[in-house]
Amino acid sequence: MYIGDRIKVRTIRGVKGNVIGQLPDGRTIIFDSDSPYLSMLGPGQLVECNVIHVSQRYVIVDPIREPEPLQGERRPISEMEPREGTEPPEIDKVRLLEDLRRLSKEGEWETAILARALIHIIENLDASREPPPRNSTKNTEGMAEKSPVDHSHDPSLTD
């Protein structure tokens, strides 16, 4: 890729919330901040650009026309908005945990490790969501009577 090359860039949402592109080699495509088309850019578009700077880690491009929406392209889940009236699917947690426990014993080692990690996460999430028990079984009677400091060796406290 060289300065002056004309490329078509697919836009995506960057980590910082800005609109960027990405080359197949992993370099980030940054849009020229002086471009009159910059305010029209959003994720999920195709825009024709001239390359104006090439670096080892990024490429700066100047859009030369208005962006077009990508046709038939699926957006990443992070950029999807929930449809109105749709609820997340109900998960049978008991069955899920049974399946994960089976995989943790019978699955290949990579699968078993992931299954154990998921079991740990699910169980800890459940524990953190449960309110503390109302009727504690701990015996708290007599706790206030004991002194937190042992004075048995202090001669000034003897009669």
N, C-alpha and C. Protein backbone atom coordinates (compact mmCIF):
# COMPACT_ATOMS: atom_id res chain seq x y z
N MET A 1 0.85 -1.16 0.00
CA MET A 1 0.00 0.00 0.00
C MET A 1 0.90 1.23 0.00
N TYR A 2 0.53 2.19 -0.86
CA TYR A 2 1.36 3.37 -1.03
C TYR A 2 0.51 4.64 -0.95
N ILE A 3 1.16 5.75 -0.65
CA ILE A 3 0.48 7.05 -0.64
C ILE A 3 -0.07 7.29 -2.04
N GLY A 4 -1.31 7.72 -2.10
CA GLY A 4 -1.96 7.98 -3.39
C GLY A 4 -2.84 6.84 -3.86
N ASP A 5 -2.68 5.62 -3.26
CA ASP A 5 -3.54 4.50 -3.64
C ASP A 5 -4.99 4.83 -3.29
N ARG A 6 -5.90 4.32 -4.10
CA ARG A 6 -7.33 4.49 -3.83
C ARG A 6 -7.86 3.15 -3.33
N ILE A 7 -8.49 3.17 -2.15
CA ILE A 7 -9.02 1.94 -1.55
C ILE A 7 -10.45 2.16 -1.09
N LYS A 8 -11.20 1.05 -0.97
CA LYS A 8 -12.53 1.09 -0.37
C LYS A 8 -12.41 0.53 1.04
N VAL A 9 -12.94 1.28 1.99
CA VAL A 9 -12.79 0.95 3.40
C VAL A 9 -14.15 0.60 4.00
N ARG A 10 -14.20 -0.51 4.72
CA ARG A 10 -15.39 -0.87 5.50
C ARG A 10 -15.22 -0.25 6.88
N THR A 11 -16.20 0.50 7.30
CA THR A 11 -16.10 1.20 8.58
C THR A 11 -16.61 0.33 9.71
N ILE A 12 -15.94 0.47 10.85
CA ILE A 12 -16.34 -0.23 12.07
C ILE A 12 -16.22 0.74 13.24
N ARG A 13 -16.79 0.37 14.36
CA ARG A 13 -16.67 1.18 15.57
C ARG A 13 -15.36 0.80 16.26
N GLY A 14 -14.53 1.80 16.54
CA GLY A 14 -13.26 1.57 17.21
C GLY A 14 -13.44 1.37 18.70
N VAL A 15 -12.38 0.98 19.38
CA VAL A 15 -12.41 0.73 20.81
C VAL A 15 -12.82 1.99 21.57
N LYS A 16 -12.37 3.14 21.12
CA LYS A 16 -12.68 4.40 21.80
C LYS A 16 -14.02 4.99 21.36
N GLY A 17 -14.77 4.27 20.53
CA GLY A 17 -16.08 4.74 20.09
C GLY A 17 -16.03 5.50 18.78
N ASN A 18 -14.84 5.72 18.25
CA ASN A 18 -14.72 6.45 16.99
C ASN A 18 -14.91 5.48 15.82
N VAL A 19 -15.07 6.02 14.62
CA VAL A 19 -15.23 5.20 13.42
C VAL A 19 -13.87 5.03 12.77
N ILE A 20 -13.51 3.79 12.50
CA ILE A 20 -12.23 3.45 11.89
C ILE A 20 -12.45 2.38 10.84
N GLY A 21 -11.38 1.94 10.24
CA GLY A 21 -11.38 0.79 9.35
C GLY A 21 -10.24 -0.12 9.75
N GLN A 22 -10.15 -1.27 9.10
CA GLN A 22 -9.04 -2.16 9.41
C GLN A 22 -8.62 -2.89 8.14
N LEU A 23 -7.32 -2.92 7.93
CA LEU A 23 -6.76 -3.62 6.78
C LEU A 23 -6.66 -5.11 7.09
N PRO A 24 -6.64 -5.96 6.08
CA PRO A 24 -6.51 -7.40 6.32
C PRO A 24 -5.25 -7.77 7.12
N ASP A 25 -4.20 -6.95 7.03
CA ASP A 25 -2.97 -7.25 7.79
C ASP A 25 -3.05 -6.80 9.24
N GLY A 26 -4.20 -6.23 9.65
CA GLY A 26 -4.41 -5.83 11.03
C GLY A 26 -4.18 -4.36 11.32
N ARG A 27 -3.60 -3.63 10.39
CA ARG A 27 -3.37 -2.20 10.63
C ARG A 27 -4.71 -1.47 10.67
N THR A 28 -4.75 -0.45 11.50
CA THR A 28 -5.94 0.38 11.65
C THR A 28 -5.97 1.44 10.55
N ILE A 29 -7.16 1.71 10.05
CA ILE A 29 -7.35 2.79 9.08
C ILE A 29 -8.00 3.95 9.82
N ILE A 30 -7.34 5.09 9.77
CA ILE A 30 -7.83 6.30 10.42
C ILE A 30 -8.25 7.28 9.33
N PHE A 31 -9.38 7.92 9.54
CA PHE A 31 -9.88 8.88 8.55
C PHE A 31 -9.34 10.27 8.85
N ASP A 32 -8.96 10.98 7.80
CA ASP A 32 -8.41 12.33 7.91
C ASP A 32 -9.42 13.23 8.62
N SER A 33 -8.97 13.91 9.66
CA SER A 33 -9.87 14.76 10.45
C SER A 33 -10.32 16.01 9.71
N ASP A 34 -9.66 16.36 8.60
CA ASP A 34 -10.06 17.53 7.82
C ASP A 34 -11.03 17.19 6.70
N SER A 35 -11.43 15.94 6.58
CA SER A 35 -12.30 15.53 5.49
C SER A 35 -13.72 16.09 5.67
N PRO A 36 -14.32 16.58 4.58
CA PRO A 36 -15.71 17.05 4.68
C PRO A 36 -16.69 15.90 4.88
N TYR A 37 -16.26 14.67 4.66
CA TYR A 37 -17.14 13.51 4.80
C TYR A 37 -17.03 12.86 6.18
N LEU A 38 -16.15 13.35 7.03
CA LEU A 38 -15.91 12.73 8.33
C LEU A 38 -17.19 12.64 9.17
N SER A 39 -17.99 13.67 9.18
CA SER A 39 -19.21 13.67 10.00
C SER A 39 -20.27 12.71 9.47
N MET A 40 -20.13 12.24 8.24
CA MET A 40 -21.10 11.30 7.65
C MET A 40 -20.74 9.85 7.95
N LEU A 41 -19.54 9.62 8.45
CA LEU A 41 -19.08 8.25 8.66
C LEU A 41 -19.69 7.63 9.90
N GLY A 42 -20.08 6.38 9.75
CA GLY A 42 -20.60 5.58 10.85
C GLY A 42 -20.21 4.13 10.62
N PRO A 43 -20.37 3.28 11.61
CA PRO A 43 -20.02 1.87 11.43
C PRO A 43 -20.96 1.21 10.41
N GLY A 44 -20.42 0.23 9.70
CA GLY A 44 -21.23 -0.51 8.75
C GLY A 44 -21.39 0.18 7.41
N GLN A 45 -20.39 0.94 6.98
CA GLN A 45 -20.44 1.64 5.70
C GLN A 45 -19.23 1.26 4.86
N LEU A 46 -19.33 1.59 3.59
CA LEU A 46 -18.23 1.40 2.65
C LEU A 46 -17.92 2.77 2.07
N VAL A 47 -16.66 3.19 2.15
CA VAL A 47 -16.29 4.52 1.69
C VAL A 47 -15.01 4.43 0.86
N GLU A 48 -15.00 5.14 -0.26
CA GLU A 48 -13.83 5.18 -1.12
C GLU A 48 -12.90 6.28 -0.63
N CYS A 49 -11.60 5.96 -0.56
CA CYS A 49 -10.63 6.88 0.04
C CYS A 49 -9.31 6.88 -0.73
N ASN A 50 -8.57 7.97 -0.56
CA ASN A 50 -7.19 8.06 -1.01
C ASN A 50 -6.29 7.88 0.20
N VAL A 51 -5.22 7.11 0.04
CA VAL A 51 -4.25 6.90 1.11
C VAL A 51 -3.36 8.13 1.17
N ILE A 52 -3.26 8.74 2.38
CA ILE A 52 -2.44 9.95 2.50
C ILE A 52 -1.25 9.75 3.45
N HIS A 53 -1.25 8.67 4.23
CA HIS A 53 -0.11 8.38 5.11
C HIS A 53 -0.07 6.88 5.37
N VAL A 54 1.12 6.29 5.32
CA VAL A 54 1.29 4.86 5.58
C VAL A 54 2.31 4.69 6.69
N SER A 55 1.94 3.92 7.71
CA SER A 55 2.81 3.63 8.84
C SER A 55 2.82 2.12 9.05
N GLN A 56 3.71 1.65 9.93
CA GLN A 56 3.74 0.22 10.24
C GLN A 56 2.49 -0.24 10.97
N ARG A 57 1.86 0.67 11.74
CA ARG A 57 0.72 0.28 12.56
C ARG A 57 -0.61 0.84 12.09
N TYR A 58 -0.60 1.88 11.27
CA TYR A 58 -1.86 2.47 10.83
C TYR A 58 -1.68 3.13 9.47
N VAL A 59 -2.83 3.43 8.85
CA VAL A 59 -2.88 4.12 7.56
C VAL A 59 -3.90 5.24 7.71
N ILE A 60 -3.56 6.42 7.25
CA ILE A 60 -4.52 7.54 7.26
C ILE A 60 -5.05 7.68 5.85
N VAL A 61 -6.38 7.78 5.74
CA VAL A 61 -7.02 7.92 4.44
C VAL A 61 -7.90 9.16 4.41
N ASP A 62 -8.15 9.65 3.20
CA ASP A 62 -9.02 10.80 3.00
C ASP A 62 -10.22 10.34 2.17
N PRO A 63 -11.42 10.30 2.76
CA PRO A 63 -12.59 9.91 1.97
C PRO A 63 -12.79 10.87 0.80
N ILE A 64 -13.15 10.32 -0.38
CA ILE A 64 -13.32 11.17 -1.56
C ILE A 64 -14.78 11.27 -1.98
N ARG A 65 -15.66 10.53 -1.34
CA ARG A 65 -17.09 10.65 -1.61
C ARG A 65 -17.89 10.17 -0.40
N GLU A 66 -19.18 10.40 -0.44
CA GLU A 66 -20.04 10.01 0.67
C GLU A 66 -20.00 8.50 0.87
N PRO A 67 -20.08 8.06 2.13
CA PRO A 67 -20.08 6.63 2.40
C PRO A 67 -21.39 5.98 1.96
N GLU A 68 -21.32 4.69 1.66
CA GLU A 68 -22.50 3.91 1.27
C GLU A 68 -22.73 2.85 2.33
N PRO A 69 -23.99 2.51 2.62
CA PRO A 69 -24.22 1.42 3.57
C PRO A 69 -23.80 0.09 2.95
N LEU A 70 -23.26 -0.79 3.77
CA LEU A 70 -22.89 -2.12 3.28
C LEU A 70 -24.16 -2.92 3.05
N GLN A 71 -24.25 -3.58 1.93
CA GLN A 71 -25.42 -4.39 1.60
C GLN A 71 -25.18 -5.83 2.02
N GLY A 72 -26.14 -6.39 2.75
CA GLY A 72 -26.07 -7.80 3.13
C GLY A 72 -24.97 -8.12 4.12
N GLU A 73 -24.37 -7.12 4.69
CA GLU A 73 -23.28 -7.32 5.65
C GLU A 73 -23.87 -7.40 7.05
N ARG A 74 -23.41 -8.37 7.83
CA ARG A 74 -23.86 -8.48 9.21
C ARG A 74 -22.98 -7.63 10.09
N ARG A 75 -23.61 -6.88 10.98
CA ARG A 75 -22.85 -6.05 11.90
C ARG A 75 -22.41 -6.89 13.09
N PRO A 76 -21.29 -6.50 13.72
CA PRO A 76 -20.87 -7.21 14.93
C PRO A 76 -21.92 -7.06 16.03
N ILE A 77 -21.99 -8.04 16.90
CA ILE A 77 -22.99 -8.04 17.98
C ILE A 77 -22.86 -6.78 18.82
N SER A 78 -21.64 -6.29 19.03
CA SER A 78 -21.43 -5.12 19.87
C SER A 78 -22.09 -3.88 19.28
N GLU A 79 -22.34 -3.87 17.97
CA GLU A 79 -22.95 -2.71 17.33
C GLU A 79 -24.45 -2.90 17.08
N MET A 80 -24.99 -4.07 17.42
CA MET A 80 -26.40 -4.34 17.18
C MET A 80 -27.24 -3.73 18.29
N GLU A 81 -28.40 -3.28 17.91
CA GLU A 81 -29.36 -2.76 18.88
C GLU A 81 -30.47 -3.78 19.03
N PRO A 82 -30.97 -3.99 20.24
CA PRO A 82 -32.03 -4.99 20.41
C PRO A 82 -33.30 -4.57 19.68
N ARG A 83 -33.96 -5.56 19.12
CA ARG A 83 -35.23 -5.27 18.46
C ARG A 83 -36.29 -5.02 19.51
N GLU A 84 -37.19 -4.16 19.18
CA GLU A 84 -38.26 -3.82 20.12
C GLU A 84 -39.14 -5.04 20.35
N GLY A 85 -39.43 -5.32 21.60
CA GLY A 85 -40.32 -6.43 21.94
C GLY A 85 -39.62 -7.77 22.03
N THR A 86 -38.32 -7.83 21.87
CA THR A 86 -37.63 -9.12 21.98
C THR A 86 -36.97 -9.21 23.34
N GLU A 87 -37.06 -10.35 23.92
CA GLU A 87 -36.46 -10.61 25.22
C GLU A 87 -35.33 -11.61 25.05
N PRO A 88 -34.32 -11.57 25.90
CA PRO A 88 -33.27 -12.58 25.79
C PRO A 88 -33.84 -13.96 26.07
N PRO A 89 -33.30 -14.99 25.45
CA PRO A 89 -33.85 -16.33 25.66
C PRO A 89 -33.63 -16.78 27.10
N GLU A 90 -34.60 -17.55 27.59
CA GLU A 90 -34.48 -18.11 28.93
C GLU A 90 -33.49 -19.26 28.88
N ILE A 91 -32.63 -19.32 29.87
CA ILE A 91 -31.63 -20.37 29.93
C ILE A 91 -31.96 -21.28 31.10
N ASP A 92 -32.01 -22.57 30.83
CA ASP A 92 -32.22 -23.55 31.89
C ASP A 92 -30.88 -23.75 32.59
N LYS A 93 -30.70 -23.02 33.69
CA LYS A 93 -29.40 -23.00 34.37
C LYS A 93 -29.02 -24.37 34.91
N VAL A 94 -29.99 -25.13 35.39
CA VAL A 94 -29.70 -26.45 35.94
C VAL A 94 -29.14 -27.35 34.85
N ARG A 95 -29.80 -27.35 33.69
CA ARG A 95 -29.33 -28.19 32.58
C ARG A 95 -27.97 -27.70 32.07
N LEU A 96 -27.79 -26.38 32.01
CA LEU A 96 -26.52 -25.83 31.57
C LEU A 96 -25.39 -26.29 32.48
N LEU A 97 -25.59 -26.20 33.79
CA LEU A 97 -24.56 -26.63 34.74
C LEU A 97 -24.29 -28.13 34.64
N GLU A 98 -25.35 -28.92 34.42
CA GLU A 98 -25.16 -30.37 34.24
C GLU A 98 -24.30 -30.65 33.01
N ASP A 99 -24.61 -29.98 31.91
CA ASP A 99 -23.84 -30.16 30.68
C ASP A 99 -22.39 -29.73 30.87
N LEU A 100 -22.19 -28.59 31.56
CA LEU A 100 -20.83 -28.12 31.79
C LEU A 100 -20.05 -29.08 32.68
N ARG A 101 -20.70 -29.64 33.71
CA ARG A 101 -20.02 -30.59 34.58
C ARG A 101 -19.64 -31.86 33.82
N ARG A 102 -20.54 -32.31 32.92
CA ARG A 102 -20.23 -33.48 32.10
C ARG A 102 -19.04 -33.19 31.20
N LEU A 103 -19.04 -31.99 30.56
CA LEU A 103 -17.93 -31.62 29.69
C LEU A 103 -16.63 -31.49 30.47
N SER A 104 -16.71 -31.01 31.70
CA SER A 104 -15.48 -30.84 32.49
C SER A 104 -14.83 -32.17 32.83
N LYS A 105 -15.63 -33.26 32.79
CA LYS A 105 -15.08 -34.59 33.09
C LYS A 105 -14.77 -35.39 31.82
N GLU A 106 -15.62 -35.25 30.80
CA GLU A 106 -15.51 -36.11 29.62
C GLU A 106 -14.89 -35.42 28.41
N GLY A 107 -14.88 -34.10 28.40
CA GLY A 107 -14.41 -33.38 27.22
C GLY A 107 -12.91 -33.39 27.09
N GLU A 108 -12.43 -32.98 25.91
CA GLU A 108 -11.00 -32.82 25.73
C GLU A 108 -10.52 -31.75 26.70
N TRP A 109 -9.21 -31.71 26.93
CA TRP A 109 -8.70 -30.87 28.02
C TRP A 109 -9.04 -29.40 27.83
N GLU A 110 -9.03 -28.86 26.59
CA GLU A 110 -9.37 -27.45 26.38
C GLU A 110 -10.83 -27.19 26.75
N THR A 111 -11.69 -28.10 26.32
CA THR A 111 -13.12 -27.98 26.61
C THR A 111 -13.37 -28.12 28.11
N ALA A 112 -12.67 -29.05 28.74
CA ALA A 112 -12.85 -29.27 30.18
C ALA A 112 -12.45 -28.04 30.98
N ILE A 113 -11.35 -27.41 30.59
CA ILE A 113 -10.90 -26.20 31.29
C ILE A 113 -11.92 -25.08 31.14
N LEU A 114 -12.41 -24.89 29.92
CA LEU A 114 -13.42 -23.85 29.70
C LEU A 114 -14.71 -24.15 30.47
N ALA A 115 -15.11 -25.41 30.49
CA ALA A 115 -16.32 -25.79 31.23
C ALA A 115 -16.15 -25.50 32.71
N ARG A 116 -14.99 -25.85 33.28
CA ARG A 116 -14.75 -25.57 34.70
C ARG A 116 -14.76 -24.07 34.99
N ALA A 117 -14.19 -23.29 34.07
CA ALA A 117 -14.18 -21.84 34.26
C ALA A 117 -15.60 -21.28 34.23
N LEU A 118 -16.42 -21.77 33.32
CA LEU A 118 -17.80 -21.29 33.24
C LEU A 118 -18.60 -21.69 34.47
N ILE A 119 -18.38 -22.90 34.96
CA ILE A 119 -19.06 -23.34 36.19
C ILE A 119 -18.70 -22.41 37.33
N HIS A 120 -17.41 -22.11 37.45
CA HIS A 120 -16.94 -21.21 38.52
C HIS A 120 -17.60 -19.84 38.41
N ILE A 121 -17.65 -19.30 37.19
CA ILE A 121 -18.24 -17.97 36.98
C ILE A 121 -19.73 -17.98 37.33
N ILE A 122 -20.45 -18.98 36.83
CA ILE A 122 -21.90 -19.05 37.09
C ILE A 122 -22.18 -19.17 38.57
N GLU A 123 -21.45 -20.05 39.25
CA GLU A 123 -21.67 -20.23 40.68
C GLU A 123 -21.33 -18.98 41.48
N ASN A 124 -20.26 -18.29 41.11
CA ASN A 124 -19.90 -17.06 41.83
C ASN A 124 -20.88 -15.93 41.52
N LEU A 125 -21.41 -15.87 40.32
CA LEU A 125 -22.42 -14.86 40.01
C LEU A 125 -23.68 -15.10 40.84
N ASP A 126 -24.07 -16.35 40.94
CA ASP A 126 -25.25 -16.67 41.74
C ASP A 126 -25.04 -16.31 43.19
N ALA A 127 -23.86 -16.60 43.72
CA ALA A 127 -23.57 -16.31 45.12
C ALA A 127 -23.56 -14.81 45.38
N SER A 128 -23.08 -14.03 44.43
CA SER A 128 -23.01 -12.58 44.63
C SER A 128 -24.38 -11.92 44.49
N ARG A 129 -25.30 -12.58 43.82
CA ARG A 129 -26.64 -12.01 43.63
C ARG A 129 -27.59 -12.35 44.77
N GLU A 130 -27.28 -13.39 45.53
CA GLU A 130 -28.16 -13.81 46.61
C GLU A 130 -28.01 -12.86 47.80
N PRO A 131 -29.13 -12.41 48.37
CA PRO A 131 -29.03 -11.57 49.57
C PRO A 131 -28.58 -12.42 50.75
N PRO A 132 -27.97 -11.80 51.76
CA PRO A 132 -27.54 -12.56 52.94
C PRO A 132 -28.76 -13.17 53.63
N PRO A 133 -28.61 -14.32 54.26
CA PRO A 133 -29.74 -14.97 54.92
C PRO A 133 -30.28 -14.11 56.05
N ARG A 134 -31.61 -14.14 56.22
CA ARG A 134 -32.26 -13.31 57.25
C ARG A 134 -32.03 -13.90 58.64
N ASN A 135 -32.19 -15.20 58.78
CA ASN A 135 -32.01 -15.85 60.07
C ASN A 135 -30.66 -16.55 60.05
N SER A 136 -29.68 -15.87 60.56
CA SER A 136 -28.35 -16.43 60.57
C SER A 136 -28.26 -17.53 61.61
N THR A 137 -27.55 -18.61 61.30
CA THR A 137 -27.41 -19.71 62.26
C THR A 137 -26.25 -19.47 63.21
N LYS A 138 -25.50 -18.41 63.03
CA LYS A 138 -24.38 -18.12 63.93
C LYS A 138 -24.93 -17.72 65.29
N ASN A 139 -24.26 -18.13 66.32
CA ASN A 139 -24.63 -17.75 67.67
C ASN A 139 -23.86 -16.47 68.01
N THR A 140 -24.58 -15.37 68.05
CA THR A 140 -23.93 -14.09 68.33
C THR A 140 -24.11 -13.66 69.77
N GLU A 141 -24.82 -14.47 70.59
CA GLU A 141 -25.02 -14.11 71.98
C GLU A 141 -23.71 -14.20 72.73
N GLY A 142 -23.46 -13.27 73.58
CA GLY A 142 -22.27 -13.30 74.41
C GLY A 142 -21.03 -12.73 73.74
N MET A 143 -21.13 -12.36 72.49
CA MET A 143 -19.96 -11.83 71.81
C MET A 143 -19.57 -10.47 72.35
N ALA A 144 -20.53 -9.65 72.77
CA ALA A 144 -20.24 -8.31 73.27
C ALA A 144 -19.62 -8.37 74.66
N GLU A 145 -19.82 -9.49 75.36
CA GLU A 145 -19.30 -9.59 76.70
C GLU A 145 -17.79 -9.81 76.71
N LYS A 146 -17.24 -10.40 75.66
CA LYS A 146 -15.80 -10.67 75.62
C LYS A 146 -15.06 -9.42 75.20
N SER A 147 -13.97 -9.18 75.87
CA SER A 147 -13.15 -8.04 75.54
C SER A 147 -12.25 -8.40 74.36
N PRO A 148 -12.09 -7.51 73.39
CA PRO A 148 -11.24 -7.83 72.25
C PRO A 148 -9.76 -7.84 72.61
N VAL A 149 -9.39 -7.30 73.78
CA VAL A 149 -7.99 -7.26 74.20
C VAL A 149 -7.83 -8.14 75.42
N ASP A 150 -6.79 -8.93 75.44
CA ASP A 150 -6.51 -9.80 76.58
C ASP A 150 -5.75 -8.99 77.64
N HIS A 151 -6.42 -8.77 78.81
CA HIS A 151 -5.82 -7.99 79.89
C HIS A 151 -5.29 -8.88 81.01
N SER A 152 -5.22 -10.16 80.81
CA SER A 152 -4.84 -11.07 81.90
C SER A 152 -3.39 -10.87 82.35
N HIS A 153 -2.52 -10.34 81.51
CA HIS A 153 -1.13 -10.13 81.88
C HIS A 153 -0.82 -8.71 82.28
N ASP A 154 -1.82 -7.85 82.39
CA ASP A 154 -1.60 -6.45 82.73
C ASP A 154 -1.70 -6.30 84.26
N PRO A 155 -0.59 -6.02 84.98
CA PRO A 155 -0.60 -5.94 86.46
C PRO A 155 -1.44 -4.77 86.97
N SER A 156 -1.66 -3.76 86.20
CA SER A 156 -2.44 -2.62 86.68
C SER A 156 -3.92 -2.94 86.79
N LEU A 157 -4.35 -4.02 86.21
CA LEU A 157 -5.76 -4.38 86.24
C LEU A 157 -6.09 -5.38 87.35
N THR A 158 -5.09 -5.82 88.12
CA THR A 158 -5.34 -6.77 89.19
C THR A 158 -5.69 -6.04 90.47
N ASP A 159 -6.47 -6.67 91.34
CA ASP A 159 -6.91 -6.05 92.59
C ASP A 159 -5.88 -6.13 93.65
